[in-house]
Amino acid sequence: VEDMHPRLAAARELIAGAAVTVLRDEPFEATVRSGGVLHRVRDKAGELRCTCPWHAAHQGTRGPCKHVLAAEASRRR
């Protein structure tokens, strides 16, 4: 499955590397350190958004970025 979903594999690596810090649950907000950059993931109107270039370029049209996936998985733990 991870071969077909590289962002999911990357998100799991971020979680394993303790790159995710949940700042608050409501409204949800987290930081994700990736490639030496700190990205912010926030819930905005029920949708998780990220400050990374992937999210800026695709605005969710190609699915969530690895930072959103990692933050969402950490939220559920």
N, C-alpha and C. Protein backbone atom coordinates (compact mmCIF):
# COMPACT_ATOMS: atom_id res chain seq x y z
N VAL A 1 0.83 -1.20 0.00
CA VAL A 1 0.00 0.00 0.00
C VAL A 1 0.87 1.26 0.00
N GLU A 2 1.95 1.25 0.78
CA GLU A 2 2.80 2.44 0.86
C GLU A 2 3.48 2.75 -0.47
N ASP A 3 3.73 1.72 -1.29
CA ASP A 3 4.30 1.98 -2.61
C ASP A 3 3.34 2.79 -3.47
N MET A 4 2.05 2.58 -3.25
CA MET A 4 1.03 3.30 -4.01
C MET A 4 0.72 4.66 -3.39
N HIS A 5 1.09 4.85 -2.13
CA HIS A 5 0.79 6.08 -1.41
C HIS A 5 2.05 6.59 -0.71
N PRO A 6 2.96 7.21 -1.46
CA PRO A 6 4.22 7.66 -0.86
C PRO A 6 4.03 8.72 0.23
N ARG A 7 2.98 9.54 0.15
CA ARG A 7 2.77 10.54 1.20
C ARG A 7 2.41 9.87 2.52
N LEU A 8 1.70 8.74 2.45
CA LEU A 8 1.36 8.00 3.66
C LEU A 8 2.64 7.42 4.29
N ALA A 9 3.51 6.87 3.46
CA ALA A 9 4.78 6.34 3.97
C ALA A 9 5.61 7.46 4.59
N ALA A 10 5.64 8.62 3.95
CA ALA A 10 6.39 9.76 4.48
C ALA A 10 5.78 10.24 5.79
N ALA A 11 4.46 10.21 5.89
CA ALA A 11 3.80 10.62 7.13
C ALA A 11 4.17 9.68 8.28
N ARG A 12 4.21 8.40 7.99
CA ARG A 12 4.59 7.42 9.02
C ARG A 12 6.03 7.65 9.48
N GLU A 13 6.90 8.03 8.55
CA GLU A 13 8.29 8.34 8.92
C GLU A 13 8.34 9.57 9.82
N LEU A 14 7.53 10.57 9.53
CA LEU A 14 7.49 11.77 10.37
C LEU A 14 7.02 11.42 11.79
N ILE A 15 6.01 10.58 11.88
CA ILE A 15 5.51 10.16 13.19
C ILE A 15 6.57 9.38 13.95
N ALA A 16 7.21 8.44 13.26
CA ALA A 16 8.26 7.63 13.90
C ALA A 16 9.43 8.49 14.36
N GLY A 17 9.69 9.57 13.65
CA GLY A 17 10.78 10.47 14.02
C GLY A 17 10.38 11.55 15.01
N ALA A 18 9.18 11.42 15.58
CA ALA A 18 8.67 12.38 16.57
C ALA A 18 8.68 13.81 16.04
N ALA A 19 8.32 13.96 14.77
CA ALA A 19 8.33 15.27 14.13
C ALA A 19 7.04 16.06 14.36
N VAL A 20 6.03 15.41 14.91
CA VAL A 20 4.71 16.05 15.09
C VAL A 20 4.53 16.49 16.53
N THR A 21 4.12 17.73 16.72
CA THR A 21 3.76 18.24 18.04
C THR A 21 2.33 18.78 17.95
N VAL A 22 1.43 18.15 18.68
CA VAL A 22 0.05 18.66 18.73
C VAL A 22 0.02 19.81 19.72
N LEU A 23 -0.39 20.97 19.24
CA LEU A 23 -0.43 22.18 20.07
C LEU A 23 -1.75 22.32 20.81
N ARG A 24 -2.85 21.95 20.14
CA ARG A 24 -4.16 21.97 20.80
C ARG A 24 -5.13 21.11 20.01
N ASP A 25 -6.17 20.65 20.72
CA ASP A 25 -7.16 19.77 20.11
C ASP A 25 -8.32 20.53 19.47
N GLU A 26 -8.75 21.60 20.06
CA GLU A 26 -9.91 22.36 19.54
C GLU A 26 -9.63 23.84 19.54
N PRO A 27 -9.62 24.50 18.43
CA PRO A 27 -9.52 23.87 17.11
C PRO A 27 -8.15 23.24 16.95
N PHE A 28 -8.11 22.16 16.20
CA PHE A 28 -6.87 21.39 16.08
C PHE A 28 -5.75 22.22 15.46
N GLU A 29 -4.56 22.10 16.06
CA GLU A 29 -3.38 22.77 15.54
C GLU A 29 -2.15 21.94 15.92
N ALA A 30 -1.23 21.77 14.97
CA ALA A 30 -0.01 21.01 15.22
C ALA A 30 1.12 21.60 14.39
N THR A 31 2.33 21.28 14.81
CA THR A 31 3.50 21.61 14.00
C THR A 31 4.13 20.29 13.57
N VAL A 32 4.74 20.32 12.39
CA VAL A 32 5.41 19.13 11.85
C VAL A 32 6.76 19.58 11.30
N ARG A 33 7.83 19.05 11.87
CA ARG A 33 9.18 19.38 11.40
C ARG A 33 9.55 18.41 10.29
N SER A 34 9.87 18.97 9.13
CA SER A 34 10.18 18.15 7.96
C SER A 34 11.24 18.85 7.12
N GLY A 35 12.33 18.17 6.88
CA GLY A 35 13.39 18.74 6.06
C GLY A 35 13.97 20.02 6.62
N GLY A 36 14.02 20.12 7.94
CA GLY A 36 14.56 21.31 8.58
C GLY A 36 13.61 22.49 8.63
N VAL A 37 12.37 22.28 8.19
CA VAL A 37 11.36 23.35 8.18
C VAL A 37 10.21 22.95 9.11
N LEU A 38 9.70 23.92 9.83
CA LEU A 38 8.57 23.68 10.71
C LEU A 38 7.29 24.12 10.01
N HIS A 39 6.43 23.15 9.69
CA HIS A 39 5.16 23.42 9.03
C HIS A 39 4.05 23.45 10.08
N ARG A 40 3.05 24.25 9.84
CA ARG A 40 1.92 24.34 10.76
C ARG A 40 0.69 23.76 10.09
N VAL A 41 0.00 22.86 10.80
CA VAL A 41 -1.24 22.25 10.34
C VAL A 41 -2.35 22.76 11.24
N ARG A 42 -3.40 23.31 10.62
CA ARG A 42 -4.52 23.88 11.38
C ARG A 42 -5.85 23.43 10.80
N ASP A 43 -6.82 23.32 11.68
CA ASP A 43 -8.19 23.07 11.26
C ASP A 43 -8.83 24.42 10.93
N LYS A 44 -9.28 24.53 9.70
CA LYS A 44 -9.95 25.75 9.28
C LYS A 44 -11.26 25.33 8.62
N ALA A 45 -12.35 25.65 9.29
CA ALA A 45 -13.69 25.31 8.80
C ALA A 45 -13.85 23.81 8.55
N GLY A 46 -13.28 23.00 9.45
CA GLY A 46 -13.42 21.56 9.36
C GLY A 46 -12.46 20.87 8.40
N GLU A 47 -11.52 21.61 7.84
CA GLU A 47 -10.54 21.05 6.92
C GLU A 47 -9.14 21.33 7.45
N LEU A 48 -8.30 20.30 7.44
CA LEU A 48 -6.92 20.51 7.88
C LEU A 48 -6.11 21.12 6.75
N ARG A 49 -5.42 22.20 7.06
CA ARG A 49 -4.60 22.92 6.08
C ARG A 49 -3.18 23.00 6.60
N CYS A 50 -2.24 23.06 5.65
CA CYS A 50 -0.83 23.07 5.99
C CYS A 50 -0.14 24.25 5.32
N THR A 51 0.97 24.66 5.90
CA THR A 51 1.73 25.79 5.36
C THR A 51 2.79 25.34 4.34
N CYS A 52 2.81 24.08 3.97
CA CYS A 52 3.84 23.57 3.05
C CYS A 52 3.53 23.92 1.59
N PRO A 53 4.55 23.86 0.74
CA PRO A 53 4.36 24.15 -0.68
C PRO A 53 3.38 23.20 -1.38
N TRP A 54 3.34 21.91 -0.97
CA TRP A 54 2.41 20.96 -1.57
C TRP A 54 0.98 21.44 -1.39
N HIS A 55 0.63 21.79 -0.17
CA HIS A 55 -0.73 22.24 0.11
C HIS A 55 -1.03 23.56 -0.63
N ALA A 56 -0.08 24.44 -0.65
CA ALA A 56 -0.27 25.72 -1.35
C ALA A 56 -0.51 25.51 -2.84
N ALA A 57 0.19 24.56 -3.42
CA ALA A 57 0.06 24.31 -4.86
C ALA A 57 -1.22 23.57 -5.22
N HIS A 58 -1.64 22.64 -4.37
CA HIS A 58 -2.76 21.76 -4.73
C HIS A 58 -4.04 22.02 -3.96
N GLN A 59 -3.96 22.72 -2.85
CA GLN A 59 -5.15 23.07 -2.04
C GLN A 59 -6.08 21.88 -1.80
N GLY A 60 -5.48 20.71 -1.58
CA GLY A 60 -6.27 19.53 -1.27
C GLY A 60 -6.85 18.80 -2.47
N THR A 61 -6.64 19.30 -3.68
CA THR A 61 -7.22 18.65 -4.86
C THR A 61 -6.55 17.32 -5.18
N ARG A 62 -5.33 17.11 -4.71
CA ARG A 62 -4.62 15.85 -4.94
C ARG A 62 -4.46 15.07 -3.64
N GLY A 63 -5.30 15.35 -2.68
CA GLY A 63 -5.23 14.68 -1.39
C GLY A 63 -4.37 15.45 -0.42
N PRO A 64 -4.37 15.02 0.83
CA PRO A 64 -3.61 15.73 1.86
C PRO A 64 -2.11 15.53 1.72
N CYS A 65 -1.36 16.52 2.18
CA CYS A 65 0.10 16.41 2.19
C CYS A 65 0.53 15.48 3.33
N LYS A 66 1.80 15.11 3.33
CA LYS A 66 2.32 14.21 4.36
C LYS A 66 2.23 14.82 5.75
N HIS A 67 2.30 16.15 5.85
CA HIS A 67 2.25 16.81 7.15
C HIS A 67 0.84 16.72 7.74
N VAL A 68 -0.18 16.90 6.91
CA VAL A 68 -1.57 16.76 7.36
C VAL A 68 -1.82 15.32 7.77
N LEU A 69 -1.36 14.37 6.97
CA LEU A 69 -1.55 12.95 7.30
C LEU A 69 -0.91 12.61 8.64
N ALA A 70 0.31 13.10 8.86
CA ALA A 70 1.03 12.82 10.11
C ALA A 70 0.34 13.48 11.30
N ALA A 71 -0.09 14.72 11.12
CA ALA A 71 -0.76 15.44 12.21
C ALA A 71 -2.09 14.77 12.54
N GLU A 72 -2.83 14.39 11.52
CA GLU A 72 -4.13 13.74 11.73
C GLU A 72 -3.96 12.42 12.47
N ALA A 73 -2.97 11.64 12.08
CA ALA A 73 -2.70 10.36 12.76
C ALA A 73 -2.27 10.60 14.20
N SER A 74 -1.49 11.62 14.45
CA SER A 74 -1.06 11.93 15.82
C SER A 74 -2.22 12.42 16.66
N ARG A 75 -3.14 13.08 16.05
CA ARG A 75 -4.34 13.58 16.74
C ARG A 75 -5.16 12.43 17.28
N ARG A 76 -5.21 11.35 16.55
CA ARG A 76 -6.03 10.19 16.93
C ARG A 76 -5.39 9.33 18.00
N ARG A 77 -4.10 9.52 18.27
CA ARG A 77 -3.40 8.68 19.24
C ARG A 77 -3.75 9.03 20.64
